[in-house]
C-alpha atoms as a PDB file:
ATOM      1  CA  UNK A   1       8.546   1.314 -16.478  1.00  0.00           C
ATOM      2  CA  UNK A   2       9.923   1.865 -12.961  1.00  0.00           C
ATOM      3  CA  UNK A   3      11.014  -1.249 -11.151  1.00  0.00           C
ATOM      4  CA  UNK A   4       8.816  -2.737  -8.470  1.00  0.00           C
ATOM      5  CA  UNK A   5      10.643  -2.640  -5.107  1.00  0.00           C
ATOM      6  CA  UNK A   6       8.736  -5.763  -4.040  1.00  0.00           C
ATOM      7  CA  UNK A   7       9.929  -7.808  -7.003  1.00  0.00           C
ATOM      8  CA  UNK A   8      13.135  -9.874  -6.806  1.00  0.00           C
ATOM      9  CA  UNK A   9      16.190  -7.791  -7.670  1.00  0.00           C
ATOM     10  CA  UNK A  10      18.993  -9.495  -9.625  1.00  0.00           C
ATOM     11  CA  UNK A  11      22.334  -9.504  -7.834  1.00  0.00           C
ATOM     12  CA  UNK A  12      24.163  -8.597 -11.016  1.00  0.00           C
ATOM     13  CA  UNK A  13      23.475  -6.345 -13.969  1.00  0.00           C
ATOM     14  CA  UNK A  14      23.523  -7.507 -17.579  1.00  0.00           C
ATOM     15  CA  UNK A  15      27.268  -6.858 -17.855  1.00  0.00           C
ATOM     16  CA  UNK A  16      27.985  -9.068 -14.833  1.00  0.00           C
ATOM     17  CA  UNK A  17      28.690  -6.260 -12.360  1.00  0.00           C
ATOM     18  CA  UNK A  18      27.172  -6.176  -8.874  1.00  0.00           C
ATOM     19  CA  UNK A  19      24.287  -3.796  -8.308  1.00  0.00           C
ATOM     20  CA  UNK A  20      25.614  -1.409  -5.644  1.00  0.00           C
ATOM     21  CA  UNK A  21      23.426   1.634  -5.017  1.00  0.00           C
ATOM     22  CA  UNK A  22      25.237   4.613  -3.540  1.00  0.00           C
ATOM     23  CA  UNK A  23      22.840   6.367  -1.140  1.00  0.00           C
ATOM     24  CA  UNK A  24      21.350   3.358   0.741  1.00  0.00           C
ATOM     25  CA  UNK A  25      24.793   1.805   1.161  1.00  0.00           C
ATOM     26  CA  UNK A  26      26.192   5.147   2.315  1.00  0.00           C
ATOM     27  CA  UNK A  27      23.683   5.085   5.188  1.00  0.00           C
ATOM     28  CA  UNK A  28      24.656   1.483   5.924  1.00  0.00           C
ATOM     29  CA  UNK A  29      28.303   2.545   6.006  1.00  0.00           C
ATOM     30  CA  UNK A  30      27.294   5.252   8.494  1.00  0.00           C
ATOM     31  CA  UNK A  31      25.690   2.533  10.619  1.00  0.00           C
ATOM     32  CA  UNK A  32      28.915   0.493  10.520  1.00  0.00           C
ATOM     33  CA  UNK A  33      31.047   3.541  11.326  1.00  0.00           C
ATOM     34  CA  UNK A  34      28.904   4.308  14.381  1.00  0.00           C
ATOM     35  CA  UNK A  35      29.286   0.733  15.592  1.00  0.00           C
ATOM     36  CA  UNK A  36      33.068   0.904  15.259  1.00  0.00           C
ATOM     37  CA  UNK A  37      33.279   4.235  17.118  1.00  0.00           C
ATOM     38  CA  UNK A  38      31.022   2.830  19.860  1.00  0.00           C
ATOM     39  CA  UNK A  39      33.433  -0.088  20.325  1.00  0.00           C
ATOM     40  CA  UNK A  40      36.461   2.224  20.544  1.00  0.00           C
ATOM     41  CA  UNK A  41      34.728   4.412  23.143  1.00  0.00           C
ATOM     42  CA  UNK A  42      33.821   1.363  25.228  1.00  0.00           C
ATOM     43  CA  UNK A  43      37.493   0.309  25.198  1.00  0.00           C
ATOM     44  CA  UNK A  44      38.647   3.803  26.219  1.00  0.00           C
ATOM     45  CA  UNK A  45      36.093   4.190  29.038  1.00  0.00           C
ATOM     46  CA  UNK A  46      37.475   4.354  32.575  1.00  0.00           C
ATOM     47  CA  UNK A  47      34.574   2.468  34.124  1.00  0.00           C
ATOM     48  CA  UNK A  48      36.504   1.330  37.182  1.00  0.00           C
ATOM     49  CA  UNK A  49      36.824   4.928  38.394  1.00  0.00           C
ATOM     50  CA  UNK A  50      33.208   5.794  37.667  1.00  0.00           C
ATOM     51  CA  UNK A  51      33.936   7.829  34.510  1.00  0.00           C
ATOM     52  CA  UNK A  52      31.039   7.262  32.094  1.00  0.00           C
ATOM     53  CA  UNK A  53      31.632  10.010  29.530  1.00  0.00           C
ATOM     54  CA  UNK A  54      32.985   7.562  26.936  1.00  0.00           C
ATOM     55  CA  UNK A  55      30.238   5.058  27.748  1.00  0.00           C
ATOM     56  CA  UNK A  56      27.646   7.772  27.110  1.00  0.00           C
ATOM     57  CA  UNK A  57      29.279   8.536  23.773  1.00  0.00           C
ATOM     58  CA  UNK A  58      29.260   4.837  22.889  1.00  0.00           C
ATOM     59  CA  UNK A  59      25.570   4.581  23.741  1.00  0.00           C
ATOM     60  CA  UNK A  60      24.883   7.659  21.632  1.00  0.00           C
ATOM     61  CA  UNK A  61      26.680   6.128  18.648  1.00  0.00           C
ATOM     62  CA  UNK A  62      24.708   2.875  19.013  1.00  0.00           C
ATOM     63  CA  UNK A  63      21.460   4.854  18.981  1.00  0.00           C
ATOM     64  CA  UNK A  64      22.710   6.905  16.013  1.00  0.00           C
ATOM     65  CA  UNK A  65      23.440   3.620  14.207  1.00  0.00           C
ATOM     66  CA  UNK A  66      19.769   2.715  14.781  1.00  0.00           C
ATOM     67  CA  UNK A  67      18.776   5.886  12.931  1.00  0.00           C
ATOM     68  CA  UNK A  68      21.089   5.108  10.005  1.00  0.00           C
ATOM     69  CA  UNK A  69      19.674   1.563   9.886  1.00  0.00           C
ATOM     70  CA  UNK A  70      16.125   2.926   9.924  1.00  0.00           C
ATOM     71  CA  UNK A  71      16.712   5.046   6.842  1.00  0.00           C
ATOM     72  CA  UNK A  72      18.967   2.914   4.630  1.00  0.00           C
ATOM     73  CA  UNK A  73      16.255   0.364   3.855  1.00  0.00           C
ATOM     74  CA  UNK A  74      13.569   3.040   3.497  1.00  0.00           C
ATOM     75  CA  UNK A  75      15.689   4.967   0.988  1.00  0.00           C
ATOM     76  CA  UNK A  76      16.330   1.768  -0.979  1.00  0.00           C
ATOM     77  CA  UNK A  77      12.600   0.961  -1.089  1.00  0.00           C
ATOM     78  CA  UNK A  78      11.596   4.504  -2.023  1.00  0.00           C
ATOM     79  CA  UNK A  79      13.991   4.411  -4.953  1.00  0.00           C
ATOM     80  CA  UNK A  80      13.219   0.808  -5.890  1.00  0.00           C
ATOM     81  CA  UNK A  81      16.907  -0.051  -5.529  1.00  0.00           C
ATOM     82  CA  UNK A  82      16.871  -2.924  -3.031  1.00  0.00           C
ATOM     83  CA  UNK A  83      19.597  -5.433  -3.818  1.00  0.00           C
ATOM     84  CA  UNK A  84      21.165  -8.604  -2.399  1.00  0.00           C
ATOM     85  CA  UNK A  85      24.416  -6.675  -1.883  1.00  0.00           C
ATOM     86  CA  UNK A  86      22.651  -4.044   0.199  1.00  0.00           C
ATOM     87  CA  UNK A  87      20.917  -6.707   2.307  1.00  0.00           C
ATOM     88  CA  UNK A  88      24.182  -8.524   3.049  1.00  0.00           C
ATOM     89  CA  UNK A  89      26.099  -5.299   3.738  1.00  0.00           C
ATOM     90  CA  UNK A  90      23.330  -4.173   6.081  1.00  0.00           C
ATOM     91  CA  UNK A  91      23.507  -7.430   8.030  1.00  0.00           C
ATOM     92  CA  UNK A  92      27.277  -7.188   8.403  1.00  0.00           C
ATOM     93  CA  UNK A  93      26.949  -3.631   9.711  1.00  0.00           C
ATOM     94  CA  UNK A  94      24.125  -4.665  12.054  1.00  0.00           C
ATOM     95  CA  UNK A  95      26.218  -7.458  13.535  1.00  0.00           C
ATOM     96  CA  UNK A  96      28.903  -4.944  14.545  1.00  0.00           C
ATOM     97  CA  UNK A  97      26.695  -2.041  15.663  1.00  0.00           C
ATOM     98  CA  UNK A  98      23.845  -3.996  17.247  1.00  0.00           C
ATOM     99  CA  UNK A  99      25.521  -7.306  18.092  1.00  0.00           C
ATOM    100  CA  UNK A 100      29.161  -6.832  19.067  1.00  0.00           C
ATOM    101  CA  UNK A 101      28.888  -3.295  20.480  1.00  0.00           C
ATOM    102  CA  UNK A 102      26.028  -3.952  22.983  1.00  0.00           C
ATOM    103  CA  UNK A 103      27.531  -7.309  24.018  1.00  0.00           C
ATOM    104  CA  UNK A 104      30.924  -5.722  24.621  1.00  0.00           C
ATOM    105  CA  UNK A 105      29.266  -2.804  26.425  1.00  0.00           C
ATOM    106  CA  UNK A 106      27.472  -5.003  28.970  1.00  0.00           C
ATOM    107  CA  UNK A 107      30.595  -7.112  29.435  1.00  0.00           C
ATOM    108  CA  UNK A 108      32.661  -3.965  30.063  1.00  0.00           C
ATOM    109  CA  UNK A 109      30.374  -2.362  32.648  1.00  0.00           C
ATOM    110  CA  UNK A 110      28.924  -5.450  34.381  1.00  0.00           C
ATOM    111  CA  UNK A 111      30.343  -8.843  33.392  1.00  0.00           C
ATOM    112  CA  UNK A 112      34.085  -8.189  33.255  1.00  0.00           C
ATOM    113  CA  UNK A 113      34.574  -9.221  36.868  1.00  0.00           C
ATOM    114  CA  UNK A 114      33.153 -12.700  36.144  1.00  0.00           C
ATOM    115  CA  UNK A 115      35.825 -13.579  33.563  1.00  0.00           C
ATOM    116  CA  UNK A 116      34.861 -16.707  31.564  1.00  0.00           C
ATOM    117  CA  UNK A 117      31.237 -16.662  32.708  1.00  0.00           C
ATOM    118  CA  UNK A 118      30.987 -13.021  31.682  1.00  0.00           C
ATOM    119  CA  UNK A 119      32.407 -13.758  28.232  1.00  0.00           C
ATOM    120  CA  UNK A 120      29.943 -16.611  27.790  1.00  0.00           C
ATOM    121  CA  UNK A 121      26.888 -14.529  28.751  1.00  0.00           C
ATOM    122  CA  UNK A 122      27.923 -11.688  26.437  1.00  0.00           C
ATOM    123  CA  UNK A 123      28.603 -14.109  23.586  1.00  0.00           C
ATOM    124  CA  UNK A 124      25.072 -15.533  23.821  1.00  0.00           C
ATOM    125  CA  UNK A 125      23.642 -12.188  22.715  1.00  0.00           C
ATOM    126  CA  UNK A 126      26.121 -11.876  19.841  1.00  0.00           C
ATOM    127  CA  UNK A 127      25.532 -15.428  18.584  1.00  0.00           C
ATOM    128  CA  UNK A 128      21.734 -15.113  18.762  1.00  0.00           C
ATOM    129  CA  UNK A 129      21.959 -11.796  16.928  1.00  0.00           C
ATOM    130  CA  UNK A 130      24.005 -13.418  14.161  1.00  0.00           C
ATOM    131  CA  UNK A 131      21.503 -16.280  13.915  1.00  0.00           C
ATOM    132  CA  UNK A 132      18.664 -13.753  13.755  1.00  0.00           C
ATOM    133  CA  UNK A 133      20.311 -11.895  10.858  1.00  0.00           C
ATOM    134  CA  UNK A 134      21.166 -15.111   8.997  1.00  0.00           C
ATOM    135  CA  UNK A 135      17.571 -16.345   9.297  1.00  0.00           C
ATOM    136  CA  UNK A 136      16.240 -13.010   8.078  1.00  0.00           C
ATOM    137  CA  UNK A 137      18.501 -13.066   5.006  1.00  0.00           C
ATOM    138  CA  UNK A 138      17.529 -16.651   4.168  1.00  0.00           C
ATOM    139  CA  UNK A 139      13.798 -15.915   4.461  1.00  0.00           C
ATOM    140  CA  UNK A 140      14.162 -12.722   2.426  1.00  0.00           C
ATOM    141  CA  UNK A 141      16.099 -14.568  -0.285  1.00  0.00           C
ATOM    142  CA  UNK A 142      13.482 -17.331  -0.437  1.00  0.00           C
ATOM    143  CA  UNK A 143      10.657 -14.818  -0.685  1.00  0.00           C
ATOM    144  CA  UNK A 144      12.532 -12.701  -3.219  1.00  0.00           C
ATOM    145  CA  UNK A 145      11.668  -9.515  -1.292  1.00  0.00           C
ATOM    146  CA  UNK A 146      13.055  -7.293   1.444  1.00  0.00           C
ATOM    147  CA  UNK A 147      11.406  -9.392   4.145  1.00  0.00           C
ATOM    148  CA  UNK A 148       7.716  -8.476   3.942  1.00  0.00           C
ATOM    149  CA  UNK A 149       5.622  -6.635   6.520  1.00  0.00           C
ATOM    150  CA  UNK A 150       6.669  -8.728   9.523  1.00  0.00           C
ATOM    151  CA  UNK A 151       9.880  -9.610  11.310  1.00  0.00           C
ATOM    152  CA  UNK A 152      10.210 -13.131  12.680  1.00  0.00           C
ATOM    153  CA  UNK A 153      11.793 -12.592  16.057  1.00  0.00           C
ATOM    154  CA  UNK A 154      12.721  -9.323  17.733  1.00  0.00           C
ATOM    155  CA  UNK A 155      14.853  -7.196  15.358  1.00  0.00           C
ATOM    156  CA  UNK A 156      18.469  -6.813  16.441  1.00  0.00           C
ATOM    157  CA  UNK A 157      18.522  -2.986  15.975  1.00  0.00           C
ATOM    158  CA  UNK A 158      15.584  -2.705  18.386  1.00  0.00           C
ATOM    159  CA  UNK A 159      17.332  -5.067  20.831  1.00  0.00           C
ATOM    160  CA  UNK A 160      20.469  -2.926  20.743  1.00  0.00           C
ATOM    161  CA  UNK A 161      18.407   0.241  21.077  1.00  0.00           C
ATOM    162  CA  UNK A 162      16.694  -1.174  24.162  1.00  0.00           C
ATOM    163  CA  UNK A 163      19.988  -2.210  25.776  1.00  0.00           C
ATOM    164  CA  UNK A 164      21.576   1.170  24.979  1.00  0.00           C
ATOM    165  CA  UNK A 165      18.625   3.286  26.131  1.00  0.00           C
ATOM    166  CA  UNK A 166      18.131   1.325  29.374  1.00  0.00           C
ATOM    167  CA  UNK A 167      21.862   1.592  30.125  1.00  0.00           C
ATOM    168  CA  UNK A 168      21.773   5.327  29.429  1.00  0.00           C
ATOM    169  CA  UNK A 169      18.800   5.741  31.769  1.00  0.00           C
ATOM    170  CA  UNK A 170      20.452   3.709  34.545  1.00  0.00           C
ATOM    171  CA  UNK A 171      23.692   5.709  34.321  1.00  0.00           C
ATOM    172  CA  UNK A 172      21.772   8.984  34.415  1.00  0.00           C
ATOM    173  CA  UNK A 173      19.557   7.830  37.294  1.00  0.00           C
ATOM    174  CA  UNK A 174      22.380   6.524  39.500  1.00  0.00           C
ATOM    175  CA  UNK A 175      25.631   7.757  37.969  1.00  0.00           C
ATOM    176  CA  UNK A 176      27.610   8.165  41.189  1.00  0.00           C
ATOM    177  CA  UNK A 177      27.025   4.621  42.394  1.00  0.00           C
ATOM    178  CA  UNK A 178      26.434   2.832  39.104  1.00  0.00           C
ATOM    179  CA  UNK A 179      29.631   0.778  39.290  1.00  0.00           C
ATOM    180  CA  UNK A 180      28.453  -0.779  42.564  1.00  0.00           C
ATOM    181  CA  UNK A 181      24.710  -0.524  42.027  1.00  0.00           C
ATOM    182  CA  UNK A 182      22.703  -3.740  42.026  1.00  0.00           C
ATOM    183  CA  UNK A 183      20.542  -2.330  39.233  1.00  0.00           C
ATOM    184  CA  UNK A 184      23.334  -2.847  36.726  1.00  0.00           C
ATOM    185  CA  UNK A 185      22.783  -6.617  36.929  1.00  0.00           C
ATOM    186  CA  UNK A 186      19.498  -6.002  35.168  1.00  0.00           C
ATOM    187  CA  UNK A 187      21.482  -5.537  31.950  1.00  0.00           C
ATOM    188  CA  UNK A 188      22.773  -9.145  31.606  1.00  0.00           C
ATOM    189  CA  UNK A 189      19.284 -10.485  32.377  1.00  0.00           C
ATOM    190  CA  UNK A 190      17.784  -8.144  29.787  1.00  0.00           C
ATOM    191  CA  UNK A 191      20.406  -9.169  27.237  1.00  0.00           C
ATOM    192  CA  UNK A 192      19.722 -12.881  27.725  1.00  0.00           C
ATOM    193  CA  UNK A 193      15.977 -12.292  27.385  1.00  0.00           C
ATOM    194  CA  UNK A 194      16.528 -10.290  24.183  1.00  0.00           C
ATOM    195  CA  UNK A 195      18.756 -13.104  22.873  1.00  0.00           C
ATOM    196  CA  UNK A 196      15.840 -15.513  23.248  1.00  0.00           C
ATOM    197  CA  UNK A 197      13.441 -13.037  21.647  1.00  0.00           C
ATOM    198  CA  UNK A 198      15.667 -12.496  18.602  1.00  0.00           C
ATOM    199  CA  UNK A 199      15.556 -16.180  17.670  1.00  0.00           C
ATOM    200  CA  UNK A 200      11.924 -16.653  18.762  1.00  0.00           C
ATOM    201  CA  UNK A 201       8.870 -17.126  16.546  1.00  0.00           C
ATOM    202  CA  UNK A 202       7.209 -13.940  17.812  1.00  0.00           C
ATOM    203  CA  UNK A 203       6.302 -11.642  14.924  1.00  0.00           C
ATOM    204  CA  UNK A 204       6.827  -7.886  14.892  1.00  0.00           C
ATOM    205  CA  UNK A 205       5.632  -5.313  12.347  1.00  0.00           C
ATOM    206  CA  UNK A 206       8.348  -3.811  10.168  1.00  0.00           C
ATOM    207  CA  UNK A 207       6.522  -0.490   9.667  1.00  0.00           C
ATOM    208  CA  UNK A 208       8.005  -0.487   6.160  1.00  0.00           C
ATOM    209  CA  UNK A 209       4.750   0.827   4.721  1.00  0.00           C
ATOM    210  CA  UNK A 210       4.717   3.829   7.083  1.00  0.00           C
ATOM    211  CA  UNK A 211       4.047   6.868   4.885  1.00  0.00           C
ATOM    212  CA  UNK A 212       4.823  10.271   6.389  1.00  0.00           C
ATOM    213  CA  UNK A 213       2.554  11.876   3.781  1.00  0.00           C
ATOM    214  CA  UNK A 214      -0.459   9.782   4.766  1.00  0.00           C
ATOM    215  CA  UNK A 215      -3.391  11.241   6.667  1.00  0.00           C
ATOM    216  CA  UNK A 216      -3.344  10.969  10.462  1.00  0.00           C
ATOM    217  CA  UNK A 217      -6.102  11.184  13.019  1.00  0.00           C
ATOM    218  CA  UNK A 218      -6.433  14.346  15.074  1.00  0.00           C
ATOM    219  CA  UNK A 219      -5.395  12.449  18.225  1.00  0.00           C
ATOM    220  CA  UNK A 220      -2.157  11.252  16.643  1.00  0.00           C
ATOM    221  CA  UNK A 221      -1.407  14.782  15.483  1.00  0.00           C
ATOM    222  CA  UNK A 222      -1.867  16.165  19.015  1.00  0.00           C
ATOM    223  CA  UNK A 223       0.293  13.419  20.566  1.00  0.00           C
ATOM    224  CA  UNK A 224       3.040  13.974  17.976  1.00  0.00           C
ATOM    225  CA  UNK A 225       2.993  17.733  18.557  1.00  0.00           C
ATOM    226  CA  UNK A 226       3.222  17.273  22.344  1.00  0.00           C
ATOM    227  CA  UNK A 227       6.115  14.848  21.938  1.00  0.00           C
ATOM    228  CA  UNK A 228       8.085  17.221  19.700  1.00  0.00           C
ATOM    229  CA  UNK A 229       7.354  20.117  22.061  1.00  0.00           C
ATOM    230  CA  UNK A 230       8.541  18.095  25.066  1.00  0.00           C
ATOM    231  CA  UNK A 231      11.809  17.205  23.324  1.00  0.00           C
ATOM    232  CA  UNK A 232      12.432  20.872  22.477  1.00  0.00           C
ATOM    233  CA  UNK A 233      11.641  22.089  26.018  1.00  0.00           C
ATOM    234  CA  UNK A 234      13.320  19.374  28.072  1.00  0.00           C
ATOM    235  CA  UNK A 235      15.979  18.535  25.460  1.00  0.00           C
ATOM    236  CA  UNK A 236      18.055  15.461  26.319  1.00  0.00           C
ATOM    237  CA  UNK A 237      16.484  14.697  29.686  1.00  0.00           C
ATOM    238  CA  UNK A 238      13.213  13.417  28.242  1.00  0.00           C
ATOM    239  CA  UNK A 239      15.121  10.994  25.998  1.00  0.00           C
ATOM    240  CA  UNK A 240      16.323   9.163  29.111  1.00  0.00           C
ATOM    241  CA  UNK A 241      12.658   8.242  29.702  1.00  0.00           C
ATOM    242  CA  UNK A 242      11.166   8.179  26.217  1.00  0.00           C
ATOM    243  CA  UNK A 243      13.643   5.893  24.443  1.00  0.00           C
ATOM    244  CA  UNK A 244      13.447   2.998  26.933  1.00  0.00           C
ATOM    245  CA  UNK A 245       9.646   3.289  26.928  1.00  0.00           C
ATOM    246  CA  UNK A 246       9.455   3.247  23.119  1.00  0.00           C
ATOM    247  CA  UNK A 247      11.739   0.224  22.703  1.00  0.00           C
ATOM    248  CA  UNK A 248      10.027  -1.626  25.567  1.00  0.00           C
ATOM    249  CA  UNK A 249       6.599  -0.908  24.064  1.00  0.00           C
ATOM    250  CA  UNK A 250       7.761  -2.380  20.736  1.00  0.00           C
ATOM    251  CA  UNK A 251       9.095  -5.462  22.544  1.00  0.00           C
ATOM    252  CA  UNK A 252       5.812  -6.014  24.401  1.00  0.00           C
ATOM    253  CA  UNK A 253       3.725  -5.296  21.298  1.00  0.00           C
ATOM    254  CA  UNK A 254       4.900  -8.569  19.778  1.00  0.00           C
ATOM    255  CA  UNK A 255       3.120 -10.438  22.596  1.00  0.00           C
ATOM    256  CA  UNK A 256       0.000  -8.252  22.512  1.00  0.00           C
ATOM    257  CA  UNK A 257      -0.329  -8.092  18.713  1.00  0.00           C
ATOM    258  CA  UNK A 258      -1.975 -11.518  18.129  1.00  0.00           C
ATOM    259  CA  UNK A 259      -4.581 -10.736  20.801  1.00  0.00           C
ATOM    260  CA  UNK A 260      -5.910  -7.459  19.421  1.00  0.00           C
ATOM    261  CA  UNK A 261      -8.424  -6.996  16.634  1.00  0.00           C
ATOM    262  CA  UNK A 262      -7.305  -6.727  13.046  1.00  0.00           C
ATOM    263  CA  UNK A 263      -8.788  -3.237  12.782  1.00  0.00           C
ATOM    264  CA  UNK A 264      -6.820  -1.984  15.770  1.00  0.00           C
ATOM    265  CA  UNK A 265      -3.677  -3.630  14.460  1.00  0.00           C
ATOM    266  CA  UNK A 266      -4.043  -1.932  11.083  1.00  0.00           C
ATOM    267  CA  UNK A 267      -4.625   1.397  12.842  1.00  0.00           C
ATOM    268  CA  UNK A 268      -1.437   1.013  14.905  1.00  0.00           C
ATOM    269  CA  UNK A 269       0.709  -0.284  12.066  1.00  0.00           C
ATOM    270  CA  UNK A 270      -0.949   1.973   9.471  1.00  0.00           C
ATOM    271  CA  UNK A 271      -1.227  -0.842   6.970  1.00  0.00           C
ATOM    272  CA  UNK A 272      -4.099  -1.635   4.625  1.00  0.00           C
ATOM    273  CA  UNK A 273      -4.813  -4.486   2.281  1.00  0.00           C
ATOM    274  CA  UNK A 274      -4.302  -3.591  -1.329  1.00  0.00           C
ATOM    275  CA  UNK A 275      -7.939  -4.260  -2.176  1.00  0.00           C
ATOM    276  CA  UNK A 276      -9.175  -2.037   0.668  1.00  0.00           C
ATOM    277  CA  UNK A 277      -6.697   0.815   0.208  1.00  0.00           C
ATOM    278  CA  UNK A 278      -8.329   4.168  -0.532  1.00  0.00           C
ATOM    279  CA  UNK A 279      -8.300   5.328  -4.117  1.00  0.00           C
ATOM    280  CA  UNK A 280      -6.862   8.628  -5.318  1.00  0.00           C
ATOM    281  CA  UNK A 281     -10.380  10.093  -5.371  1.00  0.00           C
ATOM    282  CA  UNK A 282     -10.729   9.334  -1.632  1.00  0.00           C
END
């Protein structure tokens, strides 16, 4: 019988070897690689002279790491090959790509001039991100699953995606004067707020049960088609607006979620209870 992806997976096989599954961990390695390249580009950036080409590349690699992180767990669950090794490797990669890279980014473009205070503010985000990942791993290990249908605290990939997308928008909006713009001080404030949210008790849906083959309402189909069409027509420009809106909407949804009806929540998250799920005949 095929293994149940929701059942606890032994860390070792019968012969004592670690269970290391190739494809999910390959995506995780891609996540880690993107985080490392982002860090190198941040170091190489000539921010003082208003050159943001390398910063843009770094932001792109952080967002690409988000995509790798989105698919590594999904591939593991689809194949029923979740493992403790994969969970730990994923957390290590996340700490680099979504913890160290965004913290170093904001320090490089905003906080560098404040020396010790700048280091301290940037380190808050990194430390809270590490605590968030450690708590997630402990809860997942206790439950014997991949973490369930909810995240406790704002996920660190979403936090990094929000920091990266907002920074990308701000650079695009005011590139010539970004080094001296007062808007750039929004980034440290945003990072501190996200640090608090990562270790908070606010719950967020994981969307792990999202099935691309499931039926959608006509309205969702129209909205999806318009979104894809807009990306094709306007190419990269629309991403400057869409990505910050998407990540911000997810952040705010954690506050709104407990106040909406269960039916609406299930419609948004596309989740159903096992006893109310439609049968094959439906």
